[in-house]
Amino acid sequence: MHKVTADAVTMDQSASPTSPASSRAREVFYERERGVYALRILRDVAHAVVRIPSEDSRTDAIQNLFNTVAKAGIPLFLIKLHRSSVTFALAGAYLERAAEVLRAAGYDVSTRRDLAMVTVVASSMREMAGIMVDIADALYEAGARIYEAGDSHDTVQCLIEANRVPDAVEQLCKTFHLDKSAIHEEHLPIQELPS
């Protein structure tokens, strides 16, 4: 996507309507103004809550947790560090192995597999006041609990129950005036893990 600059807006006002500069400025302005333009759905996502042993140094325990999972070749995302736990998402196919290696390393692990990640995409997400409220309201109307949330410069990701995805998509499309062509199914690449 394109970023709007003051120069682009000025160029649009001062350039001839047929000039390449004017056309480019209108394109840039359009990209900024279009707001939410897509939803991405990622299925078979799992969630884990790993409690940090209180007798250990928190920093050492977290570092050991990540080293344990990395040695097992398991990719993680939506990682959150809490006072006494670490939460993360991963492909459902890796959940059993992740729980196994973490329990073997002495961690108490709670897991859930029947989740999906719904990602709302906008060209200038961080400039859109109230976007998280709109997303949360739509998911609430769909009866979808948010297990984790994350964001980037152009997305907000929400981990919800997989069986609520159809209702969540319907509510989000209604909220952001999207049609079905804006919905994109995605899949996590699954690789054989080292033994």
N, C-alpha and C. Protein backbone atom coordinates (compact mmCIF):
# COMPACT_ATOMS: atom_id res chain seq x y z
N MET A 1 0.83 -1.18 0.00
CA MET A 1 0.00 0.00 0.00
C MET A 1 0.88 1.25 0.00
N HIS A 2 0.27 2.36 -0.25
CA HIS A 2 1.00 3.61 -0.36
C HIS A 2 0.77 4.46 0.87
N LYS A 3 1.75 5.25 1.20
CA LYS A 3 1.63 6.17 2.31
C LYS A 3 1.37 7.57 1.78
N VAL A 4 0.42 8.23 2.42
CA VAL A 4 0.10 9.59 2.01
C VAL A 4 1.12 10.55 2.58
N THR A 5 1.54 11.50 1.76
CA THR A 5 2.43 12.55 2.24
C THR A 5 1.78 13.88 1.95
N ALA A 6 2.23 14.90 2.64
CA ALA A 6 1.72 16.25 2.37
C ALA A 6 2.02 16.63 0.92
N ASP A 7 3.17 16.17 0.40
CA ASP A 7 3.53 16.47 -0.98
C ASP A 7 2.52 15.89 -1.95
N ALA A 8 2.03 14.69 -1.67
CA ALA A 8 1.07 14.04 -2.56
C ALA A 8 -0.22 14.84 -2.63
N VAL A 9 -0.68 15.32 -1.50
CA VAL A 9 -1.92 16.09 -1.49
C VAL A 9 -1.71 17.43 -2.19
N THR A 10 -0.58 18.09 -1.91
CA THR A 10 -0.27 19.36 -2.57
C THR A 10 -0.15 19.16 -4.07
N MET A 11 0.51 18.07 -4.46
CA MET A 11 0.70 17.77 -5.87
C MET A 11 -0.66 17.61 -6.56
N ASP A 12 -1.59 16.97 -5.91
CA ASP A 12 -2.91 16.74 -6.48
C ASP A 12 -3.62 18.08 -6.75
N GLN A 13 -3.42 19.04 -5.87
CA GLN A 13 -4.10 20.33 -6.03
C GLN A 13 -3.44 21.22 -7.06
N SER A 14 -2.13 21.08 -7.22
CA SER A 14 -1.41 22.00 -8.10
C SER A 14 -1.13 21.41 -9.48
N ALA A 15 -1.16 20.10 -9.63
CA ALA A 15 -0.81 19.49 -10.90
C ALA A 15 -2.02 19.48 -11.84
N SER A 16 -1.71 19.41 -13.11
CA SER A 16 -2.76 19.30 -14.12
C SER A 16 -3.51 17.98 -13.91
N PRO A 17 -4.84 17.96 -14.11
CA PRO A 17 -5.61 16.75 -13.89
C PRO A 17 -5.17 15.57 -14.74
N THR A 18 -4.49 15.82 -15.85
CA THR A 18 -4.06 14.72 -16.71
C THR A 18 -2.60 14.35 -16.51
N SER A 19 -1.89 15.08 -15.66
CA SER A 19 -0.46 14.81 -15.48
C SER A 19 -0.25 13.54 -14.67
N PRO A 20 0.89 12.84 -14.88
CA PRO A 20 1.21 11.64 -14.10
C PRO A 20 1.29 11.95 -12.59
N ALA A 21 1.78 13.13 -12.24
CA ALA A 21 1.89 13.49 -10.82
C ALA A 21 0.50 13.57 -10.18
N SER A 22 -0.46 14.15 -10.90
CA SER A 22 -1.82 14.26 -10.37
C SER A 22 -2.45 12.89 -10.21
N SER A 23 -2.26 12.05 -11.20
CA SER A 23 -2.81 10.69 -11.15
C SER A 23 -2.22 9.91 -9.98
N ARG A 24 -0.91 10.02 -9.79
CA ARG A 24 -0.23 9.33 -8.68
C ARG A 24 -0.74 9.85 -7.33
N ALA A 25 -0.93 11.15 -7.22
CA ALA A 25 -1.41 11.73 -5.96
C ALA A 25 -2.80 11.22 -5.63
N ARG A 26 -3.68 11.13 -6.64
CA ARG A 26 -5.03 10.61 -6.39
C ARG A 26 -4.97 9.16 -5.95
N GLU A 27 -4.08 8.37 -6.58
CA GLU A 27 -3.93 6.97 -6.20
C GLU A 27 -3.47 6.85 -4.76
N VAL A 28 -2.48 7.63 -4.36
CA VAL A 28 -1.99 7.62 -2.99
C VAL A 28 -3.09 8.02 -2.03
N PHE A 29 -3.81 9.07 -2.35
CA PHE A 29 -4.89 9.53 -1.49
C PHE A 29 -5.96 8.46 -1.35
N TYR A 30 -6.31 7.80 -2.45
CA TYR A 30 -7.31 6.73 -2.41
C TYR A 30 -6.85 5.60 -1.49
N GLU A 31 -5.61 5.18 -1.60
CA GLU A 31 -5.11 4.10 -0.76
C GLU A 31 -5.25 4.43 0.71
N ARG A 32 -5.01 5.68 1.09
CA ARG A 32 -5.10 6.06 2.48
C ARG A 32 -6.55 6.08 2.95
N GLU A 33 -7.44 6.53 2.09
CA GLU A 33 -8.83 6.73 2.49
C GLU A 33 -9.66 5.46 2.49
N ARG A 34 -9.20 4.39 1.87
CA ARG A 34 -10.08 3.24 1.70
C ARG A 34 -10.29 2.45 2.98
N GLY A 35 -9.47 2.61 4.01
CA GLY A 35 -9.71 1.95 5.29
C GLY A 35 -9.59 0.44 5.21
N VAL A 36 -10.44 -0.27 5.95
CA VAL A 36 -10.41 -1.73 5.97
C VAL A 36 -10.82 -2.25 4.60
N TYR A 37 -9.98 -3.11 4.02
CA TYR A 37 -10.28 -3.61 2.69
C TYR A 37 -10.23 -5.12 2.56
N ALA A 38 -9.84 -5.86 3.64
CA ALA A 38 -9.78 -7.32 3.53
C ALA A 38 -9.87 -7.97 4.90
N LEU A 39 -10.31 -9.23 4.87
CA LEU A 39 -10.28 -10.10 6.04
C LEU A 39 -9.51 -11.35 5.64
N ARG A 40 -8.61 -11.79 6.51
CA ARG A 40 -7.87 -13.02 6.27
C ARG A 40 -8.26 -14.02 7.36
N ILE A 41 -8.50 -15.26 6.95
CA ILE A 41 -8.91 -16.31 7.88
C ILE A 41 -7.84 -17.39 7.88
N LEU A 42 -7.31 -17.71 9.04
CA LEU A 42 -6.31 -18.75 9.20
C LEU A 42 -6.89 -19.80 10.15
N ARG A 43 -7.09 -21.02 9.65
CA ARG A 43 -7.75 -22.06 10.44
C ARG A 43 -6.76 -23.03 11.06
N ASP A 44 -7.27 -23.88 11.94
CA ASP A 44 -6.49 -24.87 12.71
C ASP A 44 -5.32 -24.22 13.43
N VAL A 45 -5.67 -23.22 14.23
CA VAL A 45 -4.70 -22.53 15.07
C VAL A 45 -4.91 -22.99 16.51
N ALA A 46 -3.83 -23.19 17.22
CA ALA A 46 -3.90 -23.59 18.63
C ALA A 46 -3.36 -22.46 19.49
N HIS A 47 -3.69 -22.53 20.76
CA HIS A 47 -3.26 -21.52 21.74
C HIS A 47 -2.72 -22.24 22.96
N ALA A 48 -1.64 -21.73 23.51
CA ALA A 48 -1.04 -22.32 24.70
C ALA A 48 -0.78 -21.26 25.76
N VAL A 49 -1.01 -21.65 27.00
CA VAL A 49 -0.66 -20.84 28.17
C VAL A 49 0.37 -21.65 28.94
N VAL A 50 1.57 -21.09 29.07
CA VAL A 50 2.66 -21.78 29.75
C VAL A 50 3.00 -21.00 31.01
N ARG A 51 2.79 -21.62 32.16
CA ARG A 51 3.08 -20.96 33.43
C ARG A 51 4.56 -21.04 33.75
N ILE A 52 5.09 -19.93 34.25
CA ILE A 52 6.50 -19.82 34.59
C ILE A 52 6.67 -20.29 36.04
N PRO A 53 7.55 -21.29 36.27
CA PRO A 53 7.76 -21.75 37.66
C PRO A 53 8.22 -20.60 38.55
N SER A 54 7.58 -20.43 39.69
CA SER A 54 7.87 -19.28 40.56
C SER A 54 9.27 -19.34 41.18
N GLU A 55 9.83 -20.54 41.30
CA GLU A 55 11.16 -20.64 41.92
C GLU A 55 12.29 -20.28 40.95
N ASP A 56 11.99 -20.20 39.68
CA ASP A 56 13.00 -19.87 38.68
C ASP A 56 13.07 -18.37 38.45
N SER A 57 14.21 -17.92 37.92
CA SER A 57 14.31 -16.55 37.43
C SER A 57 13.36 -16.43 36.24
N ARG A 58 12.52 -15.42 36.24
CA ARG A 58 11.54 -15.25 35.16
C ARG A 58 12.23 -15.17 33.81
N THR A 59 13.29 -14.37 33.72
CA THR A 59 14.00 -14.20 32.45
C THR A 59 14.59 -15.53 31.98
N ASP A 60 15.24 -16.27 32.89
CA ASP A 60 15.83 -17.56 32.52
C ASP A 60 14.75 -18.55 32.09
N ALA A 61 13.63 -18.56 32.81
CA ALA A 61 12.55 -19.50 32.49
C ALA A 61 11.95 -19.20 31.12
N ILE A 62 11.79 -17.93 30.80
CA ILE A 62 11.23 -17.55 29.49
C ILE A 62 12.22 -17.89 28.38
N GLN A 63 13.49 -17.60 28.62
CA GLN A 63 14.51 -17.92 27.62
C GLN A 63 14.57 -19.43 27.39
N ASN A 64 14.51 -20.21 28.46
CA ASN A 64 14.53 -21.67 28.34
C ASN A 64 13.30 -22.17 27.59
N LEU A 65 12.14 -21.57 27.87
CA LEU A 65 10.90 -21.95 27.17
C LEU A 65 11.07 -21.77 25.66
N PHE A 66 11.55 -20.60 25.24
CA PHE A 66 11.71 -20.34 23.81
C PHE A 66 12.78 -21.22 23.19
N ASN A 67 13.86 -21.48 23.92
CA ASN A 67 14.90 -22.39 23.41
C ASN A 67 14.34 -23.80 23.23
N THR A 68 13.54 -24.25 24.18
CA THR A 68 12.95 -25.59 24.11
C THR A 68 12.07 -25.73 22.87
N VAL A 69 11.23 -24.75 22.64
CA VAL A 69 10.33 -24.79 21.48
C VAL A 69 11.12 -24.65 20.17
N ALA A 70 12.12 -23.79 20.16
CA ALA A 70 12.94 -23.60 18.95
C ALA A 70 13.69 -24.88 18.59
N LYS A 71 14.25 -25.56 19.59
CA LYS A 71 14.96 -26.82 19.32
C LYS A 71 14.03 -27.88 18.74
N ALA A 72 12.76 -27.81 19.10
CA ALA A 72 11.77 -28.75 18.56
C ALA A 72 11.30 -28.33 17.17
N GLY A 73 11.75 -27.15 16.69
CA GLY A 73 11.42 -26.69 15.35
C GLY A 73 10.00 -26.16 15.20
N ILE A 74 9.41 -25.68 16.29
CA ILE A 74 8.02 -25.25 16.27
C ILE A 74 7.93 -23.73 16.19
N PRO A 75 7.35 -23.18 15.11
CA PRO A 75 7.18 -21.73 15.01
C PRO A 75 6.00 -21.24 15.84
N LEU A 76 6.17 -20.09 16.48
CA LEU A 76 5.13 -19.49 17.32
C LEU A 76 4.78 -18.11 16.78
N PHE A 77 3.57 -17.63 17.12
CA PHE A 77 3.19 -16.26 16.80
C PHE A 77 2.20 -15.78 17.86
N LEU A 78 1.83 -14.52 17.81
CA LEU A 78 0.98 -13.90 18.83
C LEU A 78 1.53 -14.15 20.24
N ILE A 79 2.82 -13.99 20.40
CA ILE A 79 3.49 -14.25 21.68
C ILE A 79 3.23 -13.09 22.63
N LYS A 80 2.83 -13.42 23.86
CA LYS A 80 2.60 -12.41 24.90
C LYS A 80 3.32 -12.86 26.17
N LEU A 81 4.05 -11.93 26.78
CA LEU A 81 4.72 -12.19 28.06
C LEU A 81 3.88 -11.59 29.18
N HIS A 82 3.47 -12.42 30.12
CA HIS A 82 2.69 -11.98 31.27
C HIS A 82 3.55 -12.12 32.52
N ARG A 83 3.05 -11.66 33.64
CA ARG A 83 3.81 -11.72 34.89
C ARG A 83 4.23 -13.15 35.26
N SER A 84 3.30 -14.09 35.15
CA SER A 84 3.61 -15.46 35.59
C SER A 84 3.38 -16.49 34.49
N SER A 85 3.22 -16.04 33.26
CA SER A 85 3.02 -16.99 32.16
C SER A 85 3.43 -16.37 30.83
N VAL A 86 3.50 -17.24 29.83
CA VAL A 86 3.72 -16.83 28.44
C VAL A 86 2.60 -17.48 27.64
N THR A 87 1.97 -16.71 26.75
CA THR A 87 0.96 -17.27 25.88
C THR A 87 1.41 -17.10 24.44
N PHE A 88 0.97 -18.02 23.59
CA PHE A 88 1.31 -17.94 22.18
C PHE A 88 0.35 -18.78 21.37
N ALA A 89 0.36 -18.53 20.06
CA ALA A 89 -0.40 -19.33 19.11
C ALA A 89 0.58 -20.12 18.26
N LEU A 90 0.08 -21.19 17.68
CA LEU A 90 0.88 -22.04 16.82
C LEU A 90 -0.06 -22.86 15.95
N ALA A 91 0.48 -23.47 14.91
CA ALA A 91 -0.34 -24.34 14.07
C ALA A 91 -0.86 -25.50 14.91
N GLY A 92 -2.12 -25.83 14.72
CA GLY A 92 -2.71 -26.93 15.48
C GLY A 92 -1.94 -28.23 15.34
N ALA A 93 -1.35 -28.45 14.17
CA ALA A 93 -0.58 -29.68 13.92
C ALA A 93 0.63 -29.82 14.84
N TYR A 94 1.12 -28.69 15.37
CA TYR A 94 2.30 -28.72 16.24
C TYR A 94 1.97 -28.75 17.72
N LEU A 95 0.70 -28.67 18.07
CA LEU A 95 0.33 -28.48 19.47
C LEU A 95 0.77 -29.63 20.37
N GLU A 96 0.51 -30.85 19.96
CA GLU A 96 0.86 -32.00 20.80
C GLU A 96 2.36 -32.04 21.08
N ARG A 97 3.16 -31.83 20.06
CA ARG A 97 4.62 -31.85 20.23
C ARG A 97 5.09 -30.70 21.12
N ALA A 98 4.52 -29.52 20.95
CA ALA A 98 4.91 -28.37 21.78
C ALA A 98 4.60 -28.64 23.25
N ALA A 99 3.40 -29.15 23.52
CA ALA A 99 3.03 -29.46 24.91
C ALA A 99 3.96 -30.53 25.49
N GLU A 100 4.29 -31.51 24.69
CA GLU A 100 5.16 -32.60 25.14
C GLU A 100 6.55 -32.09 25.54
N VAL A 101 7.18 -31.27 24.67
CA VAL A 101 8.55 -30.83 24.98
C VAL A 101 8.56 -29.83 26.14
N LEU A 102 7.51 -29.00 26.24
CA LEU A 102 7.46 -28.04 27.35
C LEU A 102 7.21 -28.74 28.68
N ARG A 103 6.34 -29.73 28.70
CA ARG A 103 6.10 -30.48 29.96
C ARG A 103 7.36 -31.24 30.36
N ALA A 104 8.06 -31.80 29.38
CA ALA A 104 9.32 -32.50 29.67
C ALA A 104 10.36 -31.55 30.26
N ALA A 105 10.28 -30.27 29.91
CA ALA A 105 11.20 -29.25 30.43
C ALA A 105 10.73 -28.68 31.77
N GLY A 106 9.61 -29.18 32.30
CA GLY A 106 9.15 -28.77 33.62
C GLY A 106 8.09 -27.67 33.65
N TYR A 107 7.49 -27.35 32.50
CA TYR A 107 6.48 -26.29 32.45
C TYR A 107 5.07 -26.87 32.58
N ASP A 108 4.20 -26.10 33.21
CA ASP A 108 2.79 -26.42 33.28
C ASP A 108 2.13 -25.75 32.07
N VAL A 109 1.49 -26.55 31.22
CA VAL A 109 0.98 -26.05 29.94
C VAL A 109 -0.52 -26.33 29.82
N SER A 110 -1.29 -25.31 29.46
CA SER A 110 -2.71 -25.49 29.11
C SER A 110 -2.85 -25.15 27.64
N THR A 111 -3.63 -25.95 26.91
CA THR A 111 -3.73 -25.74 25.47
C THR A 111 -5.18 -25.81 24.99
N ARG A 112 -5.37 -25.26 23.81
CA ARG A 112 -6.66 -25.34 23.12
C ARG A 112 -6.38 -25.31 21.63
N ARG A 113 -7.04 -26.20 20.88
CA ARG A 113 -6.73 -26.29 19.45
C ARG A 113 -7.83 -25.74 18.54
N ASP A 114 -9.04 -25.73 18.92
CA ASP A 114 -10.16 -25.41 18.02
C ASP A 114 -10.35 -23.92 17.78
N LEU A 115 -9.29 -23.27 17.30
CA LEU A 115 -9.31 -21.82 17.11
C LEU A 115 -8.98 -21.44 15.67
N ALA A 116 -9.24 -20.18 15.36
CA ALA A 116 -8.89 -19.62 14.04
C ALA A 116 -8.44 -18.19 14.27
N MET A 117 -7.59 -17.69 13.38
CA MET A 117 -7.17 -16.30 13.47
C MET A 117 -7.86 -15.52 12.36
N VAL A 118 -8.59 -14.49 12.77
CA VAL A 118 -9.25 -13.58 11.84
C VAL A 118 -8.43 -12.29 11.84
N THR A 119 -7.97 -11.90 10.67
CA THR A 119 -7.14 -10.71 10.54
C THR A 119 -7.87 -9.66 9.73
N VAL A 120 -7.98 -8.48 10.29
CA VAL A 120 -8.59 -7.33 9.62
C VAL A 120 -7.46 -6.51 9.02
N VAL A 121 -7.56 -6.20 7.72
CA VAL A 121 -6.48 -5.53 7.00
C VAL A 121 -6.93 -4.14 6.55
N ALA A 122 -6.10 -3.14 6.83
CA ALA A 122 -6.36 -1.77 6.40
C ALA A 122 -5.03 -1.14 5.99
N SER A 123 -5.08 -0.21 5.05
CA SER A 123 -3.84 0.37 4.54
C SER A 123 -3.16 1.30 5.53
N SER A 124 -3.91 1.87 6.46
CA SER A 124 -3.31 2.78 7.44
C SER A 124 -3.92 2.52 8.82
N MET A 125 -3.78 1.29 9.27
CA MET A 125 -4.42 0.83 10.50
C MET A 125 -4.13 1.73 11.70
N ARG A 126 -2.90 2.15 11.86
CA ARG A 126 -2.52 2.91 13.05
C ARG A 126 -3.01 4.35 13.02
N GLU A 127 -3.60 4.77 11.91
CA GLU A 127 -4.16 6.11 11.83
C GLU A 127 -5.68 6.09 11.96
N MET A 128 -6.26 4.91 12.21
CA MET A 128 -7.71 4.75 12.26
C MET A 128 -8.18 4.68 13.71
N ALA A 129 -8.63 5.79 14.26
CA ALA A 129 -9.11 5.82 15.64
C ALA A 129 -10.36 4.96 15.78
N GLY A 130 -10.40 4.15 16.84
CA GLY A 130 -11.59 3.36 17.14
C GLY A 130 -11.69 2.04 16.40
N ILE A 131 -10.66 1.68 15.64
CA ILE A 131 -10.74 0.44 14.85
C ILE A 131 -10.88 -0.80 15.74
N MET A 132 -10.17 -0.84 16.87
CA MET A 132 -10.26 -2.01 17.74
C MET A 132 -11.64 -2.12 18.37
N VAL A 133 -12.25 -1.00 18.68
CA VAL A 133 -13.61 -1.02 19.23
C VAL A 133 -14.57 -1.60 18.20
N ASP A 134 -14.45 -1.18 16.94
CA ASP A 134 -15.32 -1.69 15.88
C ASP A 134 -15.13 -3.20 15.71
N ILE A 135 -13.88 -3.65 15.75
CA ILE A 135 -13.60 -5.09 15.60
C ILE A 135 -14.17 -5.86 16.79
N ALA A 136 -13.89 -5.39 18.00
CA ALA A 136 -14.37 -6.07 19.21
C ALA A 136 -15.89 -6.11 19.25
N ASP A 137 -16.55 -5.01 18.88
CA ASP A 137 -18.02 -4.99 18.85
C ASP A 137 -18.56 -6.00 17.85
N ALA A 138 -17.95 -6.06 16.67
CA ALA A 138 -18.41 -7.01 15.65
C ALA A 138 -18.24 -8.46 16.13
N LEU A 139 -17.11 -8.74 16.76
CA LEU A 139 -16.87 -10.10 17.26
C LEU A 139 -17.81 -10.44 18.41
N TYR A 140 -18.09 -9.46 19.25
CA TYR A 140 -19.06 -9.66 20.34
C TYR A 140 -20.44 -9.99 19.76
N GLU A 141 -20.85 -9.24 18.74
CA GLU A 141 -22.15 -9.50 18.09
C GLU A 141 -22.19 -10.89 17.47
N ALA A 142 -21.03 -11.40 17.06
CA ALA A 142 -20.94 -12.73 16.47
C ALA A 142 -20.84 -13.83 17.54
N GLY A 143 -20.76 -13.43 18.80
CA GLY A 143 -20.61 -14.41 19.88
C GLY A 143 -19.23 -15.03 19.94
N ALA A 144 -18.23 -14.32 19.43
CA ALA A 144 -16.86 -14.85 19.37
C ALA A 144 -16.00 -14.25 20.48
N ARG A 145 -15.44 -15.11 21.30
CA ARG A 145 -14.51 -14.69 22.34
C ARG A 145 -13.13 -14.47 21.71
N ILE A 146 -12.47 -13.40 22.11
CA ILE A 146 -11.10 -13.13 21.63
C ILE A 146 -10.12 -13.74 22.63
N TYR A 147 -9.36 -14.75 22.19
CA TYR A 147 -8.36 -15.39 23.06
C TYR A 147 -7.05 -14.63 23.08
N GLU A 148 -6.68 -14.08 21.96
CA GLU A 148 -5.47 -13.25 21.85
C GLU A 148 -5.72 -12.23 20.76
N ALA A 149 -5.00 -11.15 20.81
CA ALA A 149 -5.05 -10.14 19.74
C ALA A 149 -3.64 -9.64 19.51
N GLY A 150 -3.39 -9.24 18.29
CA GLY A 150 -2.10 -8.66 17.94
C GLY A 150 -2.32 -7.65 16.84
N ASP A 151 -1.29 -6.87 16.53
CA ASP A 151 -1.44 -5.88 15.47
C ASP A 151 -0.11 -5.63 14.78
N SER A 152 -0.22 -5.04 13.61
CA SER A 152 0.95 -4.58 12.86
C SER A 152 0.54 -3.25 12.23
N HIS A 153 1.39 -2.71 11.38
CA HIS A 153 1.08 -1.41 10.77
C HIS A 153 -0.17 -1.46 9.90
N ASP A 154 -0.55 -2.64 9.39
CA ASP A 154 -1.72 -2.70 8.52
C ASP A 154 -2.72 -3.80 8.88
N THR A 155 -2.58 -4.42 10.06
CA THR A 155 -3.51 -5.48 10.44
C THR A 155 -3.82 -5.46 11.93
N VAL A 156 -4.97 -6.05 12.26
CA VAL A 156 -5.30 -6.45 13.63
C VAL A 156 -5.67 -7.93 13.55
N GLN A 157 -5.01 -8.77 14.34
CA GLN A 157 -5.26 -10.19 14.34
C GLN A 157 -6.00 -10.58 15.61
N CYS A 158 -7.06 -11.38 15.46
CA CYS A 158 -7.84 -11.84 16.61
C CYS A 158 -7.97 -13.35 16.55
N LEU A 159 -7.60 -14.00 17.65
CA LEU A 159 -7.72 -15.45 17.77
C LEU A 159 -9.07 -15.75 18.41
N ILE A 160 -9.93 -16.46 17.67
CA ILE A 160 -11.28 -16.74 18.15
C ILE A 160 -11.60 -18.24 17.97
N GLU A 161 -12.75 -18.68 18.50
CA GLU A 161 -13.18 -20.06 18.29
C GLU A 161 -13.45 -20.28 16.81
N ALA A 162 -12.97 -21.40 16.29
CA ALA A 162 -13.13 -21.68 14.86
C ALA A 162 -14.60 -21.76 14.46
N ASN A 163 -15.45 -22.28 15.35
CA ASN A 163 -16.86 -22.42 14.97
C ASN A 163 -17.60 -21.09 14.92
N ARG A 164 -16.98 -20.00 15.36
CA ARG A 164 -17.59 -18.66 15.29
C ARG A 164 -17.14 -17.88 14.07
N VAL A 165 -16.26 -18.45 13.26
CA VAL A 165 -15.72 -17.73 12.10
C VAL A 165 -16.81 -17.25 11.13
N PRO A 166 -17.77 -18.10 10.73
CA PRO A 166 -18.78 -17.60 9.78
C PRO A 166 -19.54 -16.38 10.31
N ASP A 167 -19.96 -16.41 11.58
CA ASP A 167 -20.67 -15.27 12.15
C ASP A 167 -19.75 -14.06 12.30
N ALA A 168 -18.50 -14.31 12.66
CA ALA A 168 -17.53 -13.21 12.81
C ALA A 168 -17.30 -12.52 11.47
N VAL A 169 -17.12 -13.31 10.43
CA VAL A 169 -16.90 -12.75 9.09
C VAL A 169 -18.11 -11.94 8.66
N GLU A 170 -19.30 -12.47 8.90
CA GLU A 170 -20.52 -11.75 8.53
C GLU A 170 -20.60 -10.40 9.24
N GLN A 171 -20.33 -10.38 10.55
CA GLN A 171 -20.40 -9.13 11.31
C GLN A 171 -19.31 -8.15 10.89
N LEU A 172 -18.10 -8.65 10.67
CA LEU A 172 -17.01 -7.77 10.24
C LEU A 172 -17.28 -7.19 8.85
N CYS A 173 -17.82 -7.99 7.96
CA CYS A 173 -18.17 -7.48 6.62
C CYS A 173 -19.24 -6.40 6.73
N LYS A 174 -20.20 -6.60 7.62
CA LYS A 174 -21.26 -5.60 7.81
C LYS A 174 -20.66 -4.32 8.40
N THR A 175 -19.79 -4.46 9.39
CA THR A 175 -19.19 -3.30 10.05
C THR A 175 -18.33 -2.48 9.10
N PHE A 176 -17.55 -3.16 8.26
CA PHE A 176 -16.60 -2.45 7.39
C PHE A 176 -17.05 -2.38 5.93
N HIS A 177 -18.30 -2.74 5.66
CA HIS A 177 -18.89 -2.64 4.32
C HIS A 177 -18.06 -3.39 3.28
N LEU A 178 -17.78 -4.65 3.60
CA LEU A 178 -16.99 -5.50 2.70
C LEU A 178 -17.90 -6.53 2.04
N ASP A 179 -17.54 -6.94 0.82
CA ASP A 179 -18.27 -8.05 0.21
C ASP A 179 -17.42 -9.31 0.32
N LYS A 180 -17.94 -10.42 -0.17
CA LYS A 180 -17.28 -11.72 0.00
C LYS A 180 -15.92 -11.78 -0.71
N SER A 181 -15.72 -10.93 -1.71
CA SER A 181 -14.43 -10.95 -2.41
C SER A 181 -13.28 -10.45 -1.52
N ALA A 182 -13.61 -9.82 -0.42
CA ALA A 182 -12.59 -9.30 0.50
C ALA A 182 -12.09 -10.35 1.49
N ILE A 183 -12.69 -11.55 1.46
CA ILE A 183 -12.33 -12.61 2.42
C ILE A 183 -11.32 -13.54 1.78
N HIS A 184 -10.21 -13.75 2.49
CA HIS A 184 -9.13 -14.60 1.97
C HIS A 184 -8.79 -15.68 2.99
N GLU A 185 -8.90 -16.94 2.58
CA GLU A 185 -8.51 -18.07 3.42
C GLU A 185 -7.00 -18.28 3.28
N GLU A 186 -6.33 -18.47 4.42
CA GLU A 186 -4.88 -18.72 4.42
C GLU A 186 -4.60 -20.01 5.17
N HIS A 187 -3.42 -20.57 4.94
CA HIS A 187 -3.03 -21.81 5.61
C HIS A 187 -1.59 -21.68 6.10
N LEU A 188 -1.34 -22.19 7.29
CA LEU A 188 0.03 -22.21 7.81
C LEU A 188 0.78 -23.36 7.14
N PRO A 189 2.01 -23.11 6.71
CA PRO A 189 2.80 -24.21 6.16
C PRO A 189 3.20 -25.17 7.29
N ILE A 190 2.97 -26.44 7.07
CA ILE A 190 3.29 -27.46 8.08
C ILE A 190 4.48 -28.27 7.58
N GLN A 191 5.52 -28.36 8.41
CA GLN A 191 6.71 -29.13 8.06
C GLN A 191 6.92 -30.24 9.08
N GLU A 192 7.62 -31.26 8.66
CA GLU A 192 7.94 -32.35 9.58
C GLU A 192 8.90 -31.83 10.65
N LEU A 193 8.59 -32.14 11.90
CA LEU A 193 9.41 -31.64 13.01
C LEU A 193 10.58 -32.60 13.28
N PRO A 194 11.70 -32.06 13.75
CA PRO A 194 12.82 -32.95 14.12
C PRO A 194 12.43 -33.84 15.30
N SER A 195 12.96 -35.06 15.34
CA SER A 195 12.60 -35.96 16.46
C SER A 195 13.55 -35.83 17.62
